Amino acid sequence: MTALRSWEGLLFAVLILIYAVNAWNSPVFLTVGNQINMFQLSVEKIIVALVMTFVIINGEIDLSIASVMGLAACAFGWMVQQGAPAGGAVAIALAIGFLCGAFNALFIVGFGIPSLVVTLATMIAFRGFARVLVEDRGISDFPDWFDALGQKGLIGPVPLAMVLFAVFAVLAYLILQRTAFGRKVYFIGANRAVAEFSGLEVRAVKARIFIASGVISALAGLLFAARVGAVRGDIANGFELDVITMVLLGGVSIFGGTGTMSGTILAILIVLALRNGMALENITGHIQTGVLGILLILSVMVPIIRETGTRLIARVR
């Protein structure tokens, strides 16, 4: 009963319901091919959602993630087009992600500017840099080995990106829920002033999180480029909506300090299953986006819902 009273318990029940409805509506839904396709079409977003969980629990926000994805992918494409070795271009693209995260951290941690303001500005700036690199054209003709990373199975039919997500999900869970660093992330997000007074290295923790966000976003951008086999200036545009929706729906408070990685993972599965189920029913992308927008509003209300539920349970007892 205790598990069912938790937000994660409710999410699990909702997930089972969605799977049951989708399986009832479409015999294709539970097939291995469809399940792999369900993950593959959004795998870059769900990888970034893992690191966004750290960001929001820490009491911050990173709106620049999709723009970092686009910039890293476009930088890779531009370098390959100029004749640079693809392996070296991958390394430089990841370094660009590191620099983007460090740039955000400089102004947020170093100058004390709110992360909402900084990352809103860099969201626009990084996207602008991506468009400058490729203008309005698309870049493709990547090496076969690079395209294969996103288009061919690494373990049977399972592609590299899905394997990375599984590995990152386990690591993210262990770091956030089982390490001293994870406890610091929660403590700082719950009350930064008290954390600073207690002697915690608040700035270092925040800087590491934003740098990690930049690097993981750059990696996701490269995986996206490998999957579609091309890059454009608008690559990953709007992905931040889906990512933030998943994290907040998972029970992470927008105000920081609360939430779990398991909640985020359950929310990821819910969003993927909803999108896939609607696609199988030929529901248009615009309606799917509208549904996610509603989910985002509901997600922001999660702390209120949880608090109200706790009070009701207390009264029943």
Protein backbone atom coordinates (compact mmCIF):
# COMPACT_ATOMS: atom_id res chain seq x y z
CA MET A 1 0.00 0.00 0.00
CA THR A 2 2.85 2.38 0.76
CA ALA A 3 4.23 2.01 -2.78
CA LEU A 4 0.82 2.76 -4.29
CA ARG A 5 0.60 5.96 -2.27
CA SER A 6 3.83 7.23 -3.77
CA TRP A 7 3.98 9.21 -6.99
CA GLU A 8 6.14 6.49 -8.54
CA GLY A 9 3.46 3.93 -7.65
CA LEU A 10 0.83 6.03 -9.38
CA LEU A 11 3.05 6.46 -12.44
CA PHE A 12 3.60 2.71 -12.61
CA ALA A 13 -0.16 2.10 -12.50
CA VAL A 14 -0.71 4.68 -15.24
CA LEU A 15 2.02 3.07 -17.34
CA ILE A 16 0.39 -0.35 -17.05
CA LEU A 17 -2.96 1.18 -18.03
CA ILE A 18 -1.48 2.90 -21.09
CA TYR A 19 0.25 -0.30 -22.19
CA ALA A 20 -2.98 -2.25 -21.76
CA VAL A 21 -5.04 0.28 -23.77
CA ASN A 22 -2.43 0.50 -26.53
CA ALA A 23 -2.17 -3.29 -26.74
CA TRP A 24 -5.97 -3.53 -26.94
CA ASN A 25 -6.16 -0.91 -29.70
CA SER A 26 -3.26 -2.21 -31.78
CA PRO A 27 -1.85 -5.74 -32.04
CA VAL A 28 1.39 -4.16 -33.26
CA PHE A 29 2.08 -2.25 -30.06
CA LEU A 30 3.69 -5.03 -28.01
CA THR A 31 5.83 -6.40 -30.83
CA VAL A 32 9.59 -6.20 -30.35
CA GLY A 33 10.01 -4.13 -33.49
CA ASN A 34 7.49 -1.52 -32.36
CA GLN A 35 8.93 -1.32 -28.85
CA ILE A 36 12.42 -0.71 -30.27
CA ASN A 37 10.99 1.84 -32.69
CA MET A 38 9.17 3.57 -29.80
CA PHE A 39 12.47 4.11 -28.00
CA GLN A 40 14.57 4.81 -31.06
CA LEU A 41 12.42 7.73 -32.25
CA SER A 42 12.92 9.58 -28.94
CA VAL A 43 16.09 8.07 -27.52
CA GLU A 44 18.07 11.32 -27.71
CA LYS A 45 15.45 13.13 -25.64
CA ILE A 46 15.28 10.48 -22.95
CA ILE A 47 19.08 10.42 -22.59
CA VAL A 48 19.05 14.18 -21.95
CA ALA A 49 16.10 13.77 -19.54
CA LEU A 50 18.38 11.79 -17.23
CA VAL A 51 20.81 14.69 -16.75
CA MET A 52 17.95 17.22 -16.68
CA THR A 53 16.71 15.39 -13.57
CA PHE A 54 19.92 16.41 -11.79
CA VAL A 55 19.56 20.00 -13.03
CA ILE A 56 16.01 20.49 -11.79
CA ILE A 57 16.44 18.65 -8.48
CA ASN A 58 19.39 20.98 -7.90
CA GLY A 59 16.98 23.92 -8.16
CA GLU A 60 18.00 25.03 -11.67
CA ILE A 61 16.79 24.75 -15.26
CA ASP A 62 18.59 24.31 -18.57
CA LEU A 63 16.60 25.54 -21.56
CA SER A 64 19.61 25.36 -23.87
CA ILE A 65 19.80 21.55 -24.13
CA ALA A 66 18.14 21.29 -27.55
CA SER A 67 20.25 24.13 -28.92
CA VAL A 68 23.42 22.43 -27.66
CA MET A 69 22.26 19.26 -29.41
CA GLY A 70 21.77 21.22 -32.62
CA LEU A 71 25.06 23.11 -32.35
CA ALA A 72 27.11 19.96 -31.69
CA ALA A 73 25.44 18.09 -34.57
CA CYS A 74 25.83 21.01 -36.98
CA ALA A 75 29.45 21.54 -35.96
CA PHE A 76 30.10 17.86 -36.64
CA GLY A 77 28.40 18.06 -40.04
CA TRP A 78 30.25 21.22 -41.01
CA MET A 79 33.64 19.77 -40.05
CA VAL A 80 33.00 16.56 -42.00
CA GLN A 81 31.92 18.63 -44.99
CA GLN A 82 35.19 20.58 -44.76
CA GLY A 83 37.12 17.32 -44.96
CA ALA A 84 37.91 16.76 -41.28
CA PRO A 85 38.13 13.15 -40.03
CA ALA A 86 34.76 12.09 -38.61
CA GLY A 87 36.36 10.67 -35.45
CA GLY A 88 38.06 13.97 -34.69
CA ALA A 89 34.85 15.86 -35.49
CA VAL A 90 32.98 13.74 -32.92
CA ALA A 91 35.57 14.61 -30.26
CA ILE A 92 35.39 18.32 -31.09
CA ALA A 93 31.57 18.26 -31.04
CA LEU A 94 31.64 16.75 -27.55
CA ALA A 95 34.16 19.42 -26.52
CA ILE A 96 31.73 22.05 -27.82
CA GLY A 97 29.10 20.57 -25.53
CA PHE A 98 31.56 20.84 -22.63
CA LEU A 99 32.22 24.50 -23.46
CA CYS A 100 28.51 25.27 -23.76
CA GLY A 101 27.88 23.75 -20.32
CA ALA A 102 30.87 25.59 -18.88
CA PHE A 103 29.64 28.86 -20.42
CA ASN A 104 26.24 28.41 -18.76
CA ALA A 105 27.93 27.55 -15.47
CA LEU A 106 30.16 30.64 -15.66
CA PHE A 107 27.22 33.03 -15.64
CA ILE A 108 24.97 30.99 -13.36
CA VAL A 109 27.56 30.03 -10.77
CA GLY A 110 30.20 32.69 -11.30
CA PHE A 111 27.99 35.75 -11.70
CA GLY A 112 24.88 34.53 -9.89
CA ILE A 113 22.49 35.11 -12.80
CA PRO A 114 19.36 32.89 -12.64
CA SER A 115 19.66 29.79 -14.79
CA LEU A 116 16.31 30.55 -16.44
CA VAL A 117 17.71 33.82 -17.80
CA VAL A 118 21.12 32.45 -18.78
CA THR A 119 19.91 29.32 -20.54
CA LEU A 120 17.10 31.19 -22.29
CA ALA A 121 19.75 33.49 -23.74
CA THR A 122 22.12 30.66 -24.67
CA MET A 123 19.22 28.68 -26.14
CA ILE A 124 18.88 31.47 -28.70
CA ALA A 125 22.63 32.04 -29.10
CA PHE A 126 23.64 28.40 -29.56
CA ARG A 127 20.83 27.87 -32.06
CA GLY A 128 22.03 30.94 -33.93
CA PHE A 129 25.58 29.56 -34.11
CA ALA A 130 24.22 26.28 -35.48
CA ARG A 131 22.34 28.12 -38.22
CA VAL A 132 25.42 30.15 -39.10
CA LEU A 133 27.41 26.93 -39.63
CA VAL A 134 24.94 25.23 -41.99
CA GLU A 135 22.72 28.15 -43.01
CA ASP A 136 19.51 26.78 -44.59
CA ARG A 137 21.01 23.70 -46.15
CA GLY A 138 21.20 20.15 -44.92
CA ILE A 139 24.47 18.25 -44.59
CA SER A 140 24.63 14.51 -45.07
CA ASP A 141 27.01 11.97 -46.66
CA PHE A 142 28.56 11.01 -43.34
CA PRO A 143 30.88 7.99 -43.12
CA ASP A 144 29.08 4.65 -43.11
CA TRP A 145 30.37 3.77 -39.64
CA PHE A 146 28.85 6.95 -38.22
CA ASP A 147 25.43 6.39 -39.80
CA ALA A 148 25.54 2.78 -38.61
CA LEU A 149 25.76 3.99 -34.99
CA GLY A 150 22.23 5.30 -35.22
CA GLN A 151 20.68 3.09 -37.88
CA LYS A 152 21.93 -0.43 -37.21
CA GLY A 153 21.61 -2.70 -34.20
CA LEU A 154 24.49 -2.97 -31.75
CA ILE A 155 23.07 -5.88 -29.75
CA GLY A 156 20.74 -7.73 -32.09
CA PRO A 157 18.14 -5.19 -33.27
CA VAL A 158 18.93 -2.80 -30.38
CA PRO A 159 20.87 0.30 -31.56
CA LEU A 160 23.76 1.98 -29.76
CA ALA A 161 21.66 4.87 -28.45
CA MET A 162 19.29 2.52 -26.61
CA VAL A 163 22.20 0.67 -25.05
CA LEU A 164 23.68 3.99 -23.92
CA PHE A 165 20.35 5.02 -22.44
CA ALA A 166 20.14 1.81 -20.41
CA VAL A 167 23.71 2.25 -19.14
CA PHE A 168 23.23 5.95 -18.38
CA ALA A 169 19.92 5.27 -16.60
CA VAL A 170 21.58 2.82 -14.22
CA LEU A 171 24.53 5.16 -13.61
CA ALA A 172 22.26 8.18 -13.13
CA TYR A 173 20.11 6.26 -10.63
CA LEU A 174 23.13 5.10 -8.63
CA ILE A 175 24.78 8.53 -8.61
CA LEU A 176 21.63 10.43 -7.64
CA GLN A 177 20.18 7.96 -5.14
CA ARG A 178 23.22 6.18 -3.74
CA THR A 179 26.17 8.60 -3.58
CA ALA A 180 27.29 11.59 -1.55
CA PHE A 181 27.17 13.72 -4.70
CA GLY A 182 23.51 12.83 -5.16
CA ARG A 183 22.73 13.83 -1.58
CA LYS A 184 24.45 17.15 -2.19
CA VAL A 185 22.31 17.69 -5.30
CA TYR A 186 19.15 17.25 -3.20
CA PHE A 187 20.40 19.31 -0.27
CA ILE A 188 21.41 22.26 -2.44
CA GLY A 189 18.16 22.13 -4.38
CA ALA A 190 16.09 22.09 -1.20
CA ASN A 191 17.86 25.05 0.43
CA ARG A 192 20.93 26.59 -1.17
CA ALA A 193 21.54 29.05 1.67
CA VAL A 194 21.64 26.30 4.28
CA ALA A 195 23.86 24.18 2.03
CA GLU A 196 26.35 27.04 1.69
CA PHE A 197 26.26 27.69 5.43
CA SER A 198 26.96 23.99 6.00
CA GLY A 199 30.13 24.24 3.97
CA LEU A 200 29.02 22.29 0.89
CA GLU A 201 30.81 23.15 -2.36
CA VAL A 202 27.60 24.51 -3.90
CA ARG A 203 29.25 26.20 -6.86
CA ALA A 204 31.32 23.16 -7.78
CA VAL A 205 28.28 20.88 -7.70
CA LYS A 206 26.22 23.22 -9.87
CA ALA A 207 29.08 23.72 -12.32
CA ARG A 208 29.56 19.97 -12.73
CA ILE A 209 25.86 19.47 -13.38
CA PHE A 210 25.70 22.13 -16.09
CA ILE A 211 28.87 20.86 -17.74
CA ALA A 212 27.45 17.33 -17.69
CA SER A 213 24.25 18.70 -19.23
CA GLY A 214 26.26 20.26 -22.05
CA VAL A 215 28.29 17.12 -22.78
CA ILE A 216 25.30 14.75 -22.66
CA SER A 217 23.28 17.11 -24.87
CA ALA A 218 26.12 17.21 -27.41
CA LEU A 219 26.30 13.41 -27.37
CA ALA A 220 22.53 13.24 -27.92
CA GLY A 221 22.88 15.62 -30.85
CA LEU A 222 25.48 13.37 -32.46
CA LEU A 223 23.27 10.32 -31.91
CA PHE A 224 20.39 12.17 -33.56
CA ALA A 225 22.59 13.06 -36.54
CA ALA A 226 23.66 9.42 -36.85
CA ARG A 227 20.05 8.21 -36.71
CA VAL A 228 18.68 10.55 -39.40
CA GLY A 229 21.90 10.63 -41.43
CA ALA A 230 21.85 14.41 -41.83
CA VAL A 231 21.92 17.71 -39.94
CA ARG A 232 20.13 21.03 -40.36
CA GLY A 233 20.14 24.27 -38.43
CA ASP A 234 16.80 23.39 -36.80
CA ILE A 235 17.85 19.93 -35.63
CA ALA A 236 16.31 19.01 -32.24
CA ASN A 237 14.31 22.24 -32.23
CA GLY A 238 11.72 22.16 -29.42
CA PHE A 239 13.10 19.02 -27.77
CA GLU A 240 13.40 20.84 -24.45
CA LEU A 241 9.58 20.71 -24.07
CA ASP A 242 9.50 16.93 -24.15
CA VAL A 243 12.54 16.60 -21.88
CA ILE A 244 11.23 18.93 -19.19
CA THR A 245 7.78 17.33 -19.39
CA MET A 246 9.26 13.89 -18.72
CA VAL A 247 11.26 15.09 -15.72
CA LEU A 248 8.44 17.05 -14.09
CA LEU A 249 5.89 14.32 -14.77
CA GLY A 250 8.27 11.98 -12.97
CA GLY A 251 7.65 13.89 -9.75
CA VAL A 252 10.66 16.20 -9.76
CA SER A 253 9.65 19.54 -8.28
CA ILE A 254 10.27 22.56 -10.48
CA PHE A 255 11.40 24.30 -7.30
CA GLY A 256 14.12 21.71 -6.67
CA GLY A 257 14.98 19.42 -3.78
CA THR A 258 12.58 16.55 -4.47
CA GLY A 259 12.10 13.81 -7.04
CA THR A 260 13.69 10.51 -8.00
CA MET A 261 15.43 9.03 -11.01
CA SER A 262 13.02 6.10 -10.98
CA GLY A 263 10.14 8.59 -11.29
CA THR A 264 11.79 10.18 -14.33
CA ILE A 265 12.32 6.78 -15.96
CA LEU A 266 8.66 5.83 -15.40
CA ALA A 267 7.57 9.19 -16.84
CA ILE A 268 9.81 8.59 -19.87
CA LEU A 269 8.07 5.28 -20.49
CA ILE A 270 4.66 6.91 -20.13
CA VAL A 271 5.44 9.69 -22.62
CA LEU A 272 6.95 7.25 -25.13
CA ALA A 273 3.99 4.87 -24.84
CA LEU A 274 1.50 7.74 -25.21
CA ARG A 275 3.24 9.07 -28.32
CA ASN A 276 3.55 5.62 -29.84
CA GLY A 277 -0.04 4.72 -29.09
CA MET A 278 -1.31 7.95 -30.65
CA ALA A 279 0.90 7.41 -33.71
CA LEU A 280 -0.49 3.89 -34.19
CA GLU A 281 -3.98 5.43 -34.08
CA ASN A 282 -2.91 7.95 -36.77
CA ILE A 283 -3.24 10.91 -34.41
CA THR A 284 -1.32 13.86 -35.86
CA GLY A 285 1.88 15.28 -34.42
CA HIS A 286 0.17 18.56 -33.53
CA ILE A 287 -2.33 16.78 -31.30
CA GLN A 288 0.51 14.77 -29.75
CA THR A 289 2.32 18.02 -28.96
CA GLY A 290 -0.87 19.41 -27.42
CA VAL A 291 -1.20 16.35 -25.20
CA LEU A 292 2.40 16.82 -24.05
CA GLY A 293 1.67 20.47 -23.31
CA ILE A 294 -1.21 19.42 -21.07
CA LEU A 295 1.09 16.90 -19.40
CA LEU A 296 3.61 19.68 -18.78
CA ILE A 297 0.96 21.76 -17.00
CA LEU A 298 -0.08 18.76 -14.93
CA SER A 299 3.57 18.04 -14.18
CA VAL A 300 4.09 21.48 -12.67
CA MET A 301 1.13 20.71 -10.42
CA VAL A 302 2.74 17.49 -9.18
CA PRO A 303 4.05 19.00 -5.90
CA ILE A 304 0.56 20.36 -5.13
CA ILE A 305 -1.05 17.02 -5.99
CA ARG A 306 1.42 15.12 -3.81
CA GLU A 307 0.97 17.49 -0.87
CA THR A 308 -2.82 17.30 -1.13
CA GLY A 309 -2.66 13.51 -1.33
CA THR A 310 -0.44 13.35 1.75
CA ARG A 311 -2.89 15.48 3.71
CA LEU A 312 -5.85 13.33 2.66
CA ILE A 313 -4.04 10.14 3.67
CA ALA A 314 -3.18 11.71 7.02
CA ARG A 315 -6.84 12.56 7.60
CA VAL A 316 -7.97 9.03 6.72
CA ARG A 317 -5.52 7.63 9.24
